[in-house]
Amino acid sequence: MSEPIDIRLIEGRQRAEDIRRLAAGEITPEELDRENSFIRSPSDIVWVDLSPKGTPEQWERFIQYIKDNY
């Protein structure tokens, strides 16, 4: 079994590569935006799960945290 992958580490490496490519003139900001876009058009969105997540107790803690800190 392989070790878990740290997605943040991969994202950081990708961002560094994007910055390098921009600085070298290999790509324009617009081309980079198109490459990094997960959704190419509104028709790509077929279903969004907006159902609440978590238990009632987790929501109570979350709401209390917001009230206390914001």
PDB file of N, CA and C in Angstrom:
ATOM      1  N   MET A   1       0.850  -1.179   0.000  1.00  0.00           N
ATOM      2  CA  MET A   1       0.000   0.000   0.000  1.00  0.00           C
ATOM      3  C   MET A   1       0.893   1.239   0.000  1.00  0.00           C
ATOM      4  N   SER A   2       0.552   2.225  -0.802  1.00  0.00           N
ATOM      5  CA  SER A   2       1.370   3.424  -0.886  1.00  0.00           C
ATOM      6  C   SER A   2       0.996   4.414   0.213  1.00  0.00           C
ATOM      7  N   GLU A   3       1.913   5.341   0.447  1.00  0.00           N
ATOM      8  CA  GLU A   3       1.689   6.374   1.455  1.00  0.00           C
ATOM      9  C   GLU A   3       0.674   7.398   0.946  1.00  0.00           C
ATOM     10  N   PRO A   4      -0.050   8.057   1.863  1.00  0.00           N
ATOM     11  CA  PRO A   4      -0.985   9.095   1.437  1.00  0.00           C
ATOM     12  C   PRO A   4      -0.242  10.267   0.787  1.00  0.00           C
ATOM     13  N   ILE A   5      -0.895  10.927  -0.132  1.00  0.00           N
ATOM     14  CA  ILE A   5      -0.294  12.042  -0.847  1.00  0.00           C
ATOM     15  C   ILE A   5      -0.764  13.349  -0.221  1.00  0.00           C
ATOM     16  N   ASP A   6       0.180  14.251   0.027  1.00  0.00           N
ATOM     17  CA  ASP A   6      -0.155  15.573   0.551  1.00  0.00           C
ATOM     18  C   ASP A   6      -0.516  16.482  -0.613  1.00  0.00           C
ATOM     19  N   ILE A   7      -1.807  16.721  -0.800  1.00  0.00           N
ATOM     20  CA  ILE A   7      -2.276  17.502  -1.940  1.00  0.00           C
ATOM     21  C   ILE A   7      -1.760  18.923  -1.899  1.00  0.00           C
ATOM     22  N   ARG A   8      -1.574  19.492  -0.705  1.00  0.00           N
ATOM     23  CA  ARG A   8      -1.055  20.858  -0.595  1.00  0.00           C
ATOM     24  C   ARG A   8       0.374  20.945  -1.121  1.00  0.00           C
ATOM     25  N   LEU A   9       1.151  19.908  -0.892  1.00  0.00           N
ATOM     26  CA  LEU A   9       2.517  19.876  -1.396  1.00  0.00           C
ATOM     27  C   LEU A   9       2.518  19.870  -2.923  1.00  0.00           C
ATOM     28  N   ILE A  10       1.641  19.086  -3.503  1.00  0.00           N
ATOM     29  CA  ILE A  10       1.530  19.034  -4.965  1.00  0.00           C
ATOM     30  C   ILE A  10       1.080  20.387  -5.505  1.00  0.00           C
ATOM     31  N   GLU A  11       0.088  21.010  -4.849  1.00  0.00           N
ATOM     32  CA  GLU A  11      -0.391  22.317  -5.285  1.00  0.00           C
ATOM     33  C   GLU A  11       0.724  23.349  -5.215  1.00  0.00           C
ATOM     34  N   GLY A  12       1.515  23.307  -4.152  1.00  0.00           N
ATOM     35  CA  GLY A  12       2.626  24.242  -4.009  1.00  0.00           C
ATOM     36  C   GLY A  12       3.648  24.078  -5.109  1.00  0.00           C
ATOM     37  N   ARG A  13       3.968  22.850  -5.439  1.00  0.00           N
ATOM     38  CA  ARG A  13       4.913  22.594  -6.526  1.00  0.00           C
ATOM     39  C   ARG A  13       4.357  23.082  -7.858  1.00  0.00           C
ATOM     40  N   GLN A  14       3.063  22.862  -8.075  1.00  0.00           N
ATOM     41  CA  GLN A  14       2.445  23.305  -9.324  1.00  0.00           C
ATOM     42  C   GLN A  14       2.451  24.819  -9.418  1.00  0.00           C
ATOM     43  N   ARG A  15       2.154  25.503  -8.309  1.00  0.00           N
ATOM     44  CA  ARG A  15       2.167  26.970  -8.315  1.00  0.00           C
ATOM     45  C   ARG A  15       3.571  27.476  -8.633  1.00  0.00           C
ATOM     46  N   ALA A  16       4.595  26.866  -8.058  1.00  0.00           N
ATOM     47  CA  ALA A  16       5.977  27.281  -8.341  1.00  0.00           C
ATOM     48  C   ALA A  16       6.289  27.098  -9.822  1.00  0.00           C
ATOM     49  N   GLU A  17       5.848  26.005 -10.412  1.00  0.00           N
ATOM     50  CA  GLU A  17       6.070  25.760 -11.834  1.00  0.00           C
ATOM     51  C   GLU A  17       5.304  26.779 -12.681  1.00  0.00           C
ATOM     52  N   ASP A  18       4.081  27.128 -12.274  1.00  0.00           N
ATOM     53  CA  ASP A  18       3.307  28.141 -12.996  1.00  0.00           C
ATOM     54  C   ASP A  18       4.030  29.486 -12.978  1.00  0.00           C
ATOM     55  N   ILE A  19       4.554  29.868 -11.820  1.00  0.00           N
ATOM     56  CA  ILE A  19       5.267  31.142 -11.701  1.00  0.00           C
ATOM     57  C   ILE A  19       6.517  31.135 -12.575  1.00  0.00           C
ATOM     58  N   ARG A  20       7.226  30.016 -12.591  1.00  0.00           N
ATOM     59  CA  ARG A  20       8.426  29.909 -13.412  1.00  0.00           C
ATOM     60  C   ARG A  20       8.082  30.074 -14.888  1.00  0.00           C
ATOM     61  N   ARG A  21       7.019  29.395 -15.335  1.00  0.00           N
ATOM     62  CA  ARG A  21       6.605  29.466 -16.738  1.00  0.00           C
ATOM     63  C   ARG A  21       6.179  30.880 -17.119  1.00  0.00           C
ATOM     64  N   LEU A  22       5.456  31.570 -16.214  1.00  0.00           N
ATOM     65  CA  LEU A  22       5.058  32.950 -16.484  1.00  0.00           C
ATOM     66  C   LEU A  22       6.277  33.851 -16.605  1.00  0.00           C
ATOM     67  N   ALA A  23       7.212  33.712 -15.670  1.00  0.00           N
ATOM     68  CA  ALA A  23       8.415  34.542 -15.679  1.00  0.00           C
ATOM     69  C   ALA A  23       9.259  34.306 -16.928  1.00  0.00           C
ATOM     70  N   ALA A  24       9.301  33.079 -17.409  1.00  0.00           N
ATOM     71  CA  ALA A  24      10.097  32.743 -18.587  1.00  0.00           C
ATOM     72  C   ALA A  24       9.383  33.104 -19.884  1.00  0.00           C
ATOM     73  N   GLY A  25       8.125  33.530 -19.787  1.00  0.00           N
ATOM     74  CA  GLY A  25       7.372  33.891 -20.986  1.00  0.00           C
ATOM     75  C   GLY A  25       6.880  32.692 -21.773  1.00  0.00           C
ATOM     76  N   GLU A  26       6.874  31.527 -21.136  1.00  0.00           N
ATOM     77  CA  GLU A  26       6.412  30.316 -21.819  1.00  0.00           C
ATOM     78  C   GLU A  26       4.898  30.286 -21.978  1.00  0.00           C
ATOM     79  N   ILE A  27       4.204  31.091 -21.175  1.00  0.00           N
ATOM     80  CA  ILE A  27       2.748  31.064 -21.153  1.00  0.00           C
ATOM     81  C   ILE A  27       2.242  32.436 -20.726  1.00  0.00           C
ATOM     82  N   THR A  28       1.073  32.818 -21.210  1.00  0.00           N
ATOM     83  CA  THR A  28       0.467  34.084 -20.783  1.00  0.00           C
ATOM     84  C   THR A  28      -0.448  33.822 -19.589  1.00  0.00           C
ATOM     85  N   PRO A  29      -0.771  34.874 -18.831  1.00  0.00           N
ATOM     86  CA  PRO A  29      -1.705  34.670 -17.706  1.00  0.00           C
ATOM     87  C   PRO A  29      -3.045  34.091 -18.150  1.00  0.00           C
ATOM     88  N   GLU A  30      -3.518  34.498 -19.322  1.00  0.00           N
ATOM     89  CA  GLU A  30      -4.797  33.986 -19.818  1.00  0.00           C
ATOM     90  C   GLU A  30      -4.712  32.495 -20.130  1.00  0.00           C
ATOM     91  N   GLU A  31      -3.605  32.082 -20.747  1.00  0.00           N
ATOM     92  CA  GLU A  31      -3.425  30.658 -21.052  1.00  0.00           C
ATOM     93  C   GLU A  31      -3.330  29.845 -19.768  1.00  0.00           C
ATOM     94  N   LEU A  32      -2.660  30.400 -18.774  1.00  0.00           N
ATOM     95  CA  LEU A  32      -2.537  29.715 -17.489  1.00  0.00           C
ATOM     96  C   LEU A  32      -3.897  29.561 -16.821  1.00  0.00           C
ATOM     97  N   ASP A  33      -4.717  30.606 -16.879  1.00  0.00           N
ATOM     98  CA  ASP A  33      -6.070  30.511 -16.326  1.00  0.00           C
ATOM     99  C   ASP A  33      -6.862  29.395 -16.990  1.00  0.00           C
ATOM    100  N   ARG A  34      -6.759  29.299 -18.316  1.00  0.00           N
ATOM    101  CA  ARG A  34      -7.486  28.234 -19.031  1.00  0.00           C
ATOM    102  C   ARG A  34      -6.963  26.858 -18.630  1.00  0.00           C
ATOM    103  N   GLU A  35      -5.639  26.713 -18.505  1.00  0.00           N
ATOM    104  CA  GLU A  35      -5.059  25.422 -18.122  1.00  0.00           C
ATOM    105  C   GLU A  35      -5.504  24.985 -16.731  1.00  0.00           C
ATOM    106  N   ASN A  36      -5.581  25.931 -15.808  1.00  0.00           N
ATOM    107  CA  ASN A  36      -5.873  25.604 -14.412  1.00  0.00           C
ATOM    108  C   ASN A  36      -7.361  25.594 -14.089  1.00  0.00           C
ATOM    109  N   SER A  37      -8.197  25.858 -15.076  1.00  0.00           N
ATOM    110  CA  SER A  37      -9.626  25.878 -14.843  1.00  0.00           C
ATOM    111  C   SER A  37     -10.166  24.449 -14.791  1.00  0.00           C
ATOM    112  N   PHE A  38     -10.863  24.148 -13.715  1.00  0.00           N
ATOM    113  CA  PHE A  38     -11.478  22.826 -13.585  1.00  0.00           C
ATOM    114  C   PHE A  38     -12.781  22.767 -14.373  1.00  0.00           C
ATOM    115  N   ILE A  39     -13.467  23.901 -14.451  1.00  0.00           N
ATOM    116  CA  ILE A  39     -14.755  23.953 -15.127  1.00  0.00           C
ATOM    117  C   ILE A  39     -14.568  24.765 -16.402  1.00  0.00           C
ATOM    118  N   ARG A  40     -14.697  24.128 -17.527  1.00  0.00           N
ATOM    119  CA  ARG A  40     -14.480  24.786 -18.803  1.00  0.00           C
ATOM    120  C   ARG A  40     -15.684  25.609 -19.247  1.00  0.00           C
ATOM    121  N   SER A  41     -16.868  25.201 -18.863  1.00  0.00           N
ATOM    122  CA  SER A  41     -18.066  25.945 -19.237  1.00  0.00           C
ATOM    123  C   SER A  41     -19.170  25.605 -18.246  1.00  0.00           C
ATOM    124  N   PRO A  42     -20.223  26.429 -18.189  1.00  0.00           N
ATOM    125  CA  PRO A  42     -21.324  26.128 -17.264  1.00  0.00           C
ATOM    126  C   PRO A  42     -21.961  24.768 -17.516  1.00  0.00           C
ATOM    127  N   SER A  43     -21.868  24.267 -18.731  1.00  0.00           N
ATOM    128  CA  SER A  43     -22.480  22.970 -19.012  1.00  0.00           C
ATOM    129  C   SER A  43     -21.730  21.819 -18.336  1.00  0.00           C
ATOM    130  N   ASP A  44     -20.506  22.088 -17.841  1.00  0.00           N
ATOM    131  CA  ASP A  44     -19.753  21.050 -17.134  1.00  0.00           C
ATOM    132  C   ASP A  44     -20.331  20.772 -15.749  1.00  0.00           C
ATOM    133  N   ILE A  45     -21.098  21.720 -15.217  1.00  0.00           N
ATOM    134  CA  ILE A  45     -21.700  21.537 -13.897  1.00  0.00           C
ATOM    135  C   ILE A  45     -23.007  20.780 -14.095  1.00  0.00           C
ATOM    136  N   VAL A  46     -23.046  19.539 -13.631  1.00  0.00           N
ATOM    137  CA  VAL A  46     -24.257  18.750 -13.832  1.00  0.00           C
ATOM    138  C   VAL A  46     -25.014  18.497 -12.537  1.00  0.00           C
ATOM    139  N   TRP A  47     -24.305  18.579 -11.392  1.00  0.00           N
ATOM    140  CA  TRP A  47     -24.965  18.309 -10.124  1.00  0.00           C
ATOM    141  C   TRP A  47     -24.135  18.885  -8.997  1.00  0.00           C
ATOM    142  N   VAL A  48     -24.773  19.572  -8.083  1.00  0.00           N
ATOM    143  CA  VAL A  48     -24.093  20.140  -6.933  1.00  0.00           C
ATOM    144  C   VAL A  48     -24.813  19.652  -5.689  1.00  0.00           C
ATOM    145  N   ASP A  49     -24.061  19.093  -4.757  1.00  0.00           N
ATOM    146  CA  ASP A  49     -24.623  18.593  -3.504  1.00  0.00           C
ATOM    147  C   ASP A  49     -24.620  19.725  -2.483  1.00  0.00           C
ATOM    148  N   LEU A  50     -25.792  20.287  -2.211  1.00  0.00           N
ATOM    149  CA  LEU A  50     -25.909  21.373  -1.250  1.00  0.00           C
ATOM    150  C   LEU A  50     -26.504  20.913   0.078  1.00  0.00           C
ATOM    151  N   SER A  51     -26.555  19.605   0.277  1.00  0.00           N
ATOM    152  CA  SER A  51     -27.105  19.101   1.528  1.00  0.00           C
ATOM    153  C   SER A  51     -26.150  19.400   2.679  1.00  0.00           C
ATOM    154  N   PRO A  52     -26.701  19.652   3.878  1.00  0.00           N
ATOM    155  CA  PRO A  52     -25.840  19.975   5.016  1.00  0.00           C
ATOM    156  C   PRO A  52     -24.962  18.786   5.405  1.00  0.00           C
ATOM    157  N   LYS A  53     -23.778  19.088   5.830  1.00  0.00           N
ATOM    158  CA  LYS A  53     -22.840  18.048   6.267  1.00  0.00           C
ATOM    159  C   LYS A  53     -22.608  18.197   7.765  1.00  0.00           C
ATOM    160  N   GLY A  54     -22.277  17.132   8.409  1.00  0.00           N
ATOM    161  CA  GLY A  54     -21.971  17.182   9.834  1.00  0.00           C
ATOM    162  C   GLY A  54     -23.180  16.875  10.697  1.00  0.00           C
ATOM    163  N   THR A  55     -22.888  16.657  11.951  1.00  0.00           N
ATOM    164  CA  THR A  55     -23.937  16.359  12.926  1.00  0.00           C
ATOM    165  C   THR A  55     -24.491  17.656  13.494  1.00  0.00           C
ATOM    166  N   PRO A  56     -25.677  17.610  14.130  1.00  0.00           N
ATOM    167  CA  PRO A  56     -26.206  18.818  14.773  1.00  0.00           C
ATOM    168  C   PRO A  56     -25.238  19.396  15.813  1.00  0.00           C
ATOM    169  N   GLU A  57     -24.527  18.526  16.520  1.00  0.00           N
ATOM    170  CA  GLU A  57     -23.565  18.998  17.517  1.00  0.00           C
ATOM    171  C   GLU A  57     -22.406  19.751  16.854  1.00  0.00           C
ATOM    172  N   GLN A  58     -21.938  19.245  15.717  1.00  0.00           N
ATOM    173  CA  GLN A  58     -20.863  19.933  14.997  1.00  0.00           C
ATOM    174  C   GLN A  58     -21.330  21.297  14.515  1.00  0.00           C
ATOM    175  N   TRP A  59     -22.583  21.374  14.047  1.00  0.00           N
ATOM    176  CA  TRP A  59     -23.111  22.652  13.596  1.00  0.00           C
ATOM    177  C   TRP A  59     -23.249  23.626  14.755  1.00  0.00           C
ATOM    178  N   GLU A  60     -23.682  23.149  15.917  1.00  0.00           N
ATOM    179  CA  GLU A  60     -23.790  24.025  17.083  1.00  0.00           C
ATOM    180  C   GLU A  60     -22.432  24.596  17.455  1.00  0.00           C
ATOM    181  N   ARG A  61     -21.391  23.729  17.454  1.00  0.00           N
ATOM    182  CA  ARG A  61     -20.039  24.209  17.757  1.00  0.00           C
ATOM    183  C   ARG A  61     -19.564  25.219  16.714  1.00  0.00           C
ATOM    184  N   PHE A  62     -19.842  24.955  15.459  1.00  0.00           N
ATOM    185  CA  PHE A  62     -19.438  25.848  14.374  1.00  0.00           C
ATOM    186  C   PHE A  62     -20.121  27.209  14.506  1.00  0.00           C
ATOM    187  N   ILE A  63     -21.429  27.195  14.738  1.00  0.00           N
ATOM    188  CA  ILE A  63     -22.178  28.446  14.886  1.00  0.00           C
ATOM    189  C   ILE A  63     -21.688  29.210  16.100  1.00  0.00           C
ATOM    190  N   GLN A  64     -21.437  28.524  17.199  1.00  0.00           N
ATOM    191  CA  GLN A  64     -20.935  29.192  18.400  1.00  0.00           C
ATOM    192  C   GLN A  64     -19.551  29.792  18.142  1.00  0.00           C
ATOM    193  N   TYR A  65     -18.723  29.099  17.416  1.00  0.00           N
ATOM    194  CA  TYR A  65     -17.391  29.606  17.072  1.00  0.00           C
ATOM    195  C   TYR A  65     -17.509  30.901  16.264  1.00  0.00           C
ATOM    196  N   ILE A  66     -18.414  30.908  15.306  1.00  0.00           N
ATOM    197  CA  ILE A  66     -18.609  32.115  14.495  1.00  0.00           C
ATOM    198  C   ILE A  66     -19.096  33.271  15.357  1.00  0.00           C
ATOM    199  N   LYS A  67     -20.053  33.004  16.233  1.00  0.00           N
ATOM    200  CA  LYS A  67     -20.570  34.051  17.114  1.00  0.00           C
ATOM    201  C   LYS A  67     -19.473  34.607  18.021  1.00  0.00           C
ATOM    202  N   ASP A  68     -18.612  33.732  18.495  1.00  0.00           N
ATOM    203  CA  ASP A  68     -17.556  34.145  19.418  1.00  0.00           C
ATOM    204  C   ASP A  68     -16.414  34.877  18.735  1.00  0.00           C
ATOM    205  N   ASN A  69     -16.186  34.608  17.464  1.00  0.00           N
ATOM    206  CA  ASN A  69     -14.989  35.121  16.815  1.00  0.00           C
ATOM    207  C   ASN A  69     -15.233  36.158  15.727  1.00  0.00           C
ATOM    208  N   TYR A  70     -16.489  36.393  15.362  1.00  0.00           N
ATOM    209  CA  TYR A  70     -16.740  37.348  14.287  1.00  0.00           C
ATOM    210  C   TYR A  70     -17.796  38.343  14.628  1.00  0.00           C
TER     211      TYR A  70
END
